[in-house]
Protein backbone atom coordinates (compact mmCIF):
# COMPACT_ATOMS: atom_id res chain seq x y z
CA UNK A 1 89.73 83.06 118.64
CA UNK A 2 86.82 81.85 116.53
CA UNK A 3 87.51 79.55 113.59
CA UNK A 4 86.20 82.15 111.15
CA UNK A 5 88.72 84.71 112.39
CA UNK A 6 91.52 82.14 112.27
CA UNK A 7 90.68 81.43 108.63
CA UNK A 8 90.89 85.12 107.77
CA UNK A 9 94.22 85.58 109.56
CA UNK A 10 95.74 82.45 108.05
CA UNK A 11 94.49 83.39 104.57
CA UNK A 12 96.01 86.87 104.84
CA UNK A 13 99.33 85.40 105.96
CA UNK A 14 99.44 82.87 103.12
CA UNK A 15 98.24 85.34 100.48
CA UNK A 16 100.99 87.76 101.51
CA UNK A 17 103.70 85.10 101.59
CA UNK A 18 102.78 82.99 98.55
CA UNK A 19 100.44 85.18 96.53
CA UNK A 20 96.69 84.76 96.29
CA UNK A 21 96.83 82.77 93.06
CA UNK A 22 99.28 80.28 94.59
CA UNK A 23 97.09 79.68 97.65
CA UNK A 24 94.02 77.44 97.56
CA UNK A 25 91.36 76.84 100.17
CA UNK A 26 92.97 73.42 100.73
CA UNK A 27 96.27 75.17 101.53
CA UNK A 28 94.48 77.38 104.04
CA UNK A 29 92.70 74.44 105.66
CA UNK A 30 95.94 72.44 105.89
CA UNK A 31 97.76 75.42 107.40
CA UNK A 32 95.11 75.56 110.13
CA UNK A 33 94.90 71.77 110.49
CA UNK A 34 91.16 71.82 109.80
CA UNK A 35 89.12 69.98 107.19
CA UNK A 36 88.17 71.73 103.92
CA UNK A 37 84.56 71.12 104.92
CA UNK A 38 85.08 73.12 108.11
CA UNK A 39 86.47 76.00 106.06
CA UNK A 40 83.53 75.87 103.63
CA UNK A 41 81.14 75.98 106.58
CA UNK A 42 82.39 79.52 107.21
CA UNK A 43 83.19 80.67 103.65
CA UNK A 44 81.66 79.44 100.40
CA UNK A 45 84.86 79.98 98.43
CA UNK A 46 88.17 81.84 98.30
CA UNK A 47 86.53 84.93 96.79
CA UNK A 48 84.42 85.35 99.93
CA UNK A 49 87.56 85.17 102.07
CA UNK A 50 89.30 87.81 99.95
CA UNK A 51 86.24 90.04 100.03
CA UNK A 52 86.06 89.95 103.83
CA UNK A 53 89.79 90.61 104.14
CA UNK A 54 89.36 93.65 101.90
CA UNK A 55 86.56 94.92 104.15
CA UNK A 56 88.98 94.75 107.09
CA UNK A 57 91.58 96.64 105.06
CA UNK A 58 89.01 99.32 104.21
CA UNK A 59 88.16 99.84 107.87
CA UNK A 60 91.83 100.11 108.77
CA UNK A 61 92.60 102.76 106.15
CA UNK A 62 89.42 104.68 106.98
CA UNK A 63 90.59 104.75 110.60
CA UNK A 64 94.08 105.91 109.63
CA UNK A 65 92.69 108.75 107.51
CA UNK A 66 90.34 110.04 110.21
CA UNK A 67 90.98 113.79 110.41
CA UNK A 68 90.77 115.62 113.76
CA UNK A 69 88.27 118.46 113.78
CA UNK A 70 89.17 119.97 117.15
CA UNK A 71 92.73 121.14 116.39
CA UNK A 72 95.00 122.18 113.51
CA UNK A 73 97.01 119.53 111.67
CA UNK A 74 100.76 119.28 112.27
CA UNK A 75 103.74 117.83 110.41
CA UNK A 76 103.53 114.94 112.88
CA UNK A 77 99.98 114.28 111.65
CA UNK A 78 101.19 114.28 108.06
CA UNK A 79 103.89 111.78 109.00
CA UNK A 80 101.35 109.60 110.83
CA UNK A 81 99.05 109.49 107.79
CA UNK A 82 101.85 108.45 105.48
CA UNK A 83 103.41 105.90 107.84
CA UNK A 84 100.02 104.38 108.64
CA UNK A 85 98.87 104.08 105.04
CA UNK A 86 102.11 102.34 104.03
CA UNK A 87 101.87 100.08 107.11
CA UNK A 88 98.40 99.07 105.97
CA UNK A 89 99.64 98.55 102.44
CA UNK A 90 102.32 96.19 103.74
CA UNK A 91 99.94 94.25 106.00
CA UNK A 92 97.60 93.63 103.03
CA UNK A 93 100.24 93.65 100.31
CA UNK A 94 98.85 90.66 98.40
CA UNK A 95 95.87 92.78 97.45
CA UNK A 96 97.84 95.46 95.60
CA UNK A 97 100.20 92.91 94.09
CA UNK A 98 97.30 91.31 92.21
CA UNK A 99 94.83 94.20 92.21
CA UNK A 100 93.60 94.08 88.61
CA UNK A 101 93.16 90.32 88.67
CA UNK A 102 91.26 90.36 91.97
CA UNK A 103 88.94 93.16 90.84
CA UNK A 104 88.23 91.35 87.57
CA UNK A 105 87.30 88.20 89.50
CA UNK A 106 84.76 89.71 91.88
CA UNK A 107 82.21 92.42 90.90
CA UNK A 108 81.54 93.11 94.60
CA UNK A 109 85.19 93.84 95.16
CA UNK A 110 85.42 95.99 92.04
CA UNK A 111 82.50 98.15 93.16
CA UNK A 112 83.69 98.45 96.75
CA UNK A 113 87.25 99.28 95.68
CA UNK A 114 85.97 102.12 93.51
CA UNK A 115 84.09 103.56 96.51
CA UNK A 116 87.15 103.02 98.70
CA UNK A 117 89.35 104.91 96.23
CA UNK A 118 86.92 107.83 96.13
CA UNK A 119 86.83 108.01 99.94
CA UNK A 120 90.63 108.00 100.12
CA UNK A 121 90.89 110.74 97.49
CA UNK A 122 88.32 112.85 99.36
CA UNK A 123 90.22 112.35 102.62
CA UNK A 124 93.50 113.40 101.03
CA UNK A 125 91.89 116.52 99.60
CA UNK A 126 90.65 117.39 103.08
CA UNK A 127 94.10 116.78 104.55
CA UNK A 128 95.60 119.27 102.07
CA UNK A 129 92.90 121.77 103.00
CA UNK A 130 93.60 121.31 106.72
CA UNK A 131 97.36 121.57 106.20
CA UNK A 132 96.76 124.88 104.43
CA UNK A 133 94.56 126.10 107.29
CA UNK A 134 97.39 125.18 109.68
CA UNK A 135 99.85 127.22 107.62
CA UNK A 136 102.00 124.23 106.65
CA UNK A 137 101.28 124.35 102.91
CA UNK A 138 100.05 127.07 100.61
CA UNK A 139 96.32 127.40 100.07
CA UNK A 140 95.37 125.64 96.87
CA UNK A 141 92.32 125.78 94.62
CA UNK A 142 90.11 122.71 94.79
CA UNK A 143 91.18 121.57 91.31
CA UNK A 144 94.83 121.47 92.38
CA UNK A 145 93.96 119.60 95.59
CA UNK A 146 92.17 117.02 93.47
CA UNK A 147 95.19 116.60 91.20
CA UNK A 148 97.58 116.34 94.16
CA UNK A 149 95.38 113.77 95.88
CA UNK A 150 95.26 111.66 92.71
CA UNK A 151 99.02 111.88 92.15
CA UNK A 152 99.72 110.79 95.72
CA UNK A 153 97.20 107.95 95.43
CA UNK A 154 98.98 106.76 92.27
CA UNK A 155 102.35 106.80 94.02
CA UNK A 156 101.06 104.98 97.09
CA UNK A 157 99.18 102.25 95.22
CA UNK A 158 101.85 101.70 92.54
CA UNK A 159 105.06 101.95 94.56
CA UNK A 160 104.97 98.21 95.27
CA UNK A 161 104.73 97.44 91.56
CA UNK A 162 107.72 99.71 90.94
CA UNK A 163 109.77 97.89 93.57
CA UNK A 164 108.96 94.54 91.97
CA UNK A 165 110.10 95.72 88.54
CA UNK A 166 113.14 97.59 89.89
CA UNK A 167 114.21 94.39 91.66
CA UNK A 168 113.07 92.11 88.83
CA UNK A 169 116.29 90.08 88.87
CA UNK A 170 115.74 89.09 92.50
CA UNK A 171 112.00 88.40 92.49
CA UNK A 172 110.34 89.71 95.64
CA UNK A 173 113.61 90.37 97.45
CA UNK A 174 113.10 94.12 97.12
CA UNK A 175 109.76 93.93 98.90
CA UNK A 176 110.10 94.85 102.55
CA UNK A 177 108.34 97.29 104.82
CA UNK A 178 111.40 99.55 104.77
CA UNK A 179 111.54 99.55 100.97
CA UNK A 180 107.80 100.11 100.74
CA UNK A 181 107.97 103.12 103.06
CA UNK A 182 110.54 104.69 100.76
CA UNK A 183 107.48 105.63 98.74
CA UNK A 184 106.93 108.32 101.39
CA UNK A 185 109.95 110.11 99.91
CA UNK A 186 108.10 110.37 96.60
CA UNK A 187 104.92 111.63 98.25
CA UNK A 188 106.76 114.32 100.21
CA UNK A 189 108.61 115.34 97.04
CA UNK A 190 105.24 116.01 95.39
CA UNK A 191 104.30 118.24 98.31
CA UNK A 192 107.60 120.18 98.50
CA UNK A 193 106.64 122.98 96.04
CA UNK A 194 103.61 123.88 98.16
CA UNK A 195 105.28 124.01 101.58
CA UNK A 196 105.38 127.29 103.45
CA UNK A 197 109.02 128.47 103.87
CA UNK A 198 109.05 128.02 107.64
CA UNK A 199 108.24 124.29 107.28
CA UNK A 200 110.46 123.47 104.32
CA UNK A 201 113.59 122.46 106.26
CA UNK A 202 111.60 120.30 108.68
CA UNK A 203 109.87 118.40 105.91
CA UNK A 204 113.06 118.05 103.86
CA UNK A 205 114.76 116.50 106.90
CA UNK A 206 111.78 114.19 107.33
CA UNK A 207 111.87 113.26 103.65
CA UNK A 208 115.52 112.15 103.86
CA UNK A 209 114.53 109.39 106.30
CA UNK A 210 112.77 107.65 103.40
CA UNK A 211 115.19 108.27 100.52
CA UNK A 212 115.04 105.19 98.24
CA UNK A 213 118.11 103.12 97.47
CA UNK A 214 117.65 101.65 94.01
CA UNK A 215 119.39 98.43 92.90
CA UNK A 216 121.95 100.17 90.69
CA UNK A 217 122.86 102.52 93.56
CA UNK A 218 123.33 99.61 95.96
CA UNK A 219 125.41 97.71 93.39
CA UNK A 220 127.72 100.70 92.86
CA UNK A 221 128.19 101.07 96.63
CA UNK A 222 129.22 97.41 96.88
CA UNK A 223 131.61 97.77 93.94
């Protein structure tokens, strides 16, 4: 593996574990047992590292949200989209933990993230349209598809922040891939009113796999 790629992988690992603001380029260089000068040969500063990591994240999500044109969508497709998006969110979790700060620090990132958001919203609108064509959800006017796409985007991108506040007494203990994917329960709940009757039981069963367990519920079970 090339040094440049090693720097990106190590940076992502450290950002996720320690937080971006608690990780310096010297930390990254020490983690890789290379000199800071070697790191700066490949990246001018930490902002450039973050920007390139975000570009990788963009490509991953764009790939996940690719919509087949040669067949109808299925409930399995819907599950794949949700699982994949939350997997990506977990793999690049540092980014959404410090989103506002990172966007304020880098105009390139701020501009690209706006475009990324618009692409994701457009993809979600298309997914709703395709699910309607497949007879899984009711046909919806474009305005409603736009609102649904936005609401789902808000749940997906803010679920991590909710977990951190819900588990505030234990720091990041509540952050795990399993806990993060409990956000899928919220997304499917938003979609429930629009499901066709013949798919309702299947999706409700699917939704139960992701039912969140909040701290007060866990505490009462222990008591």
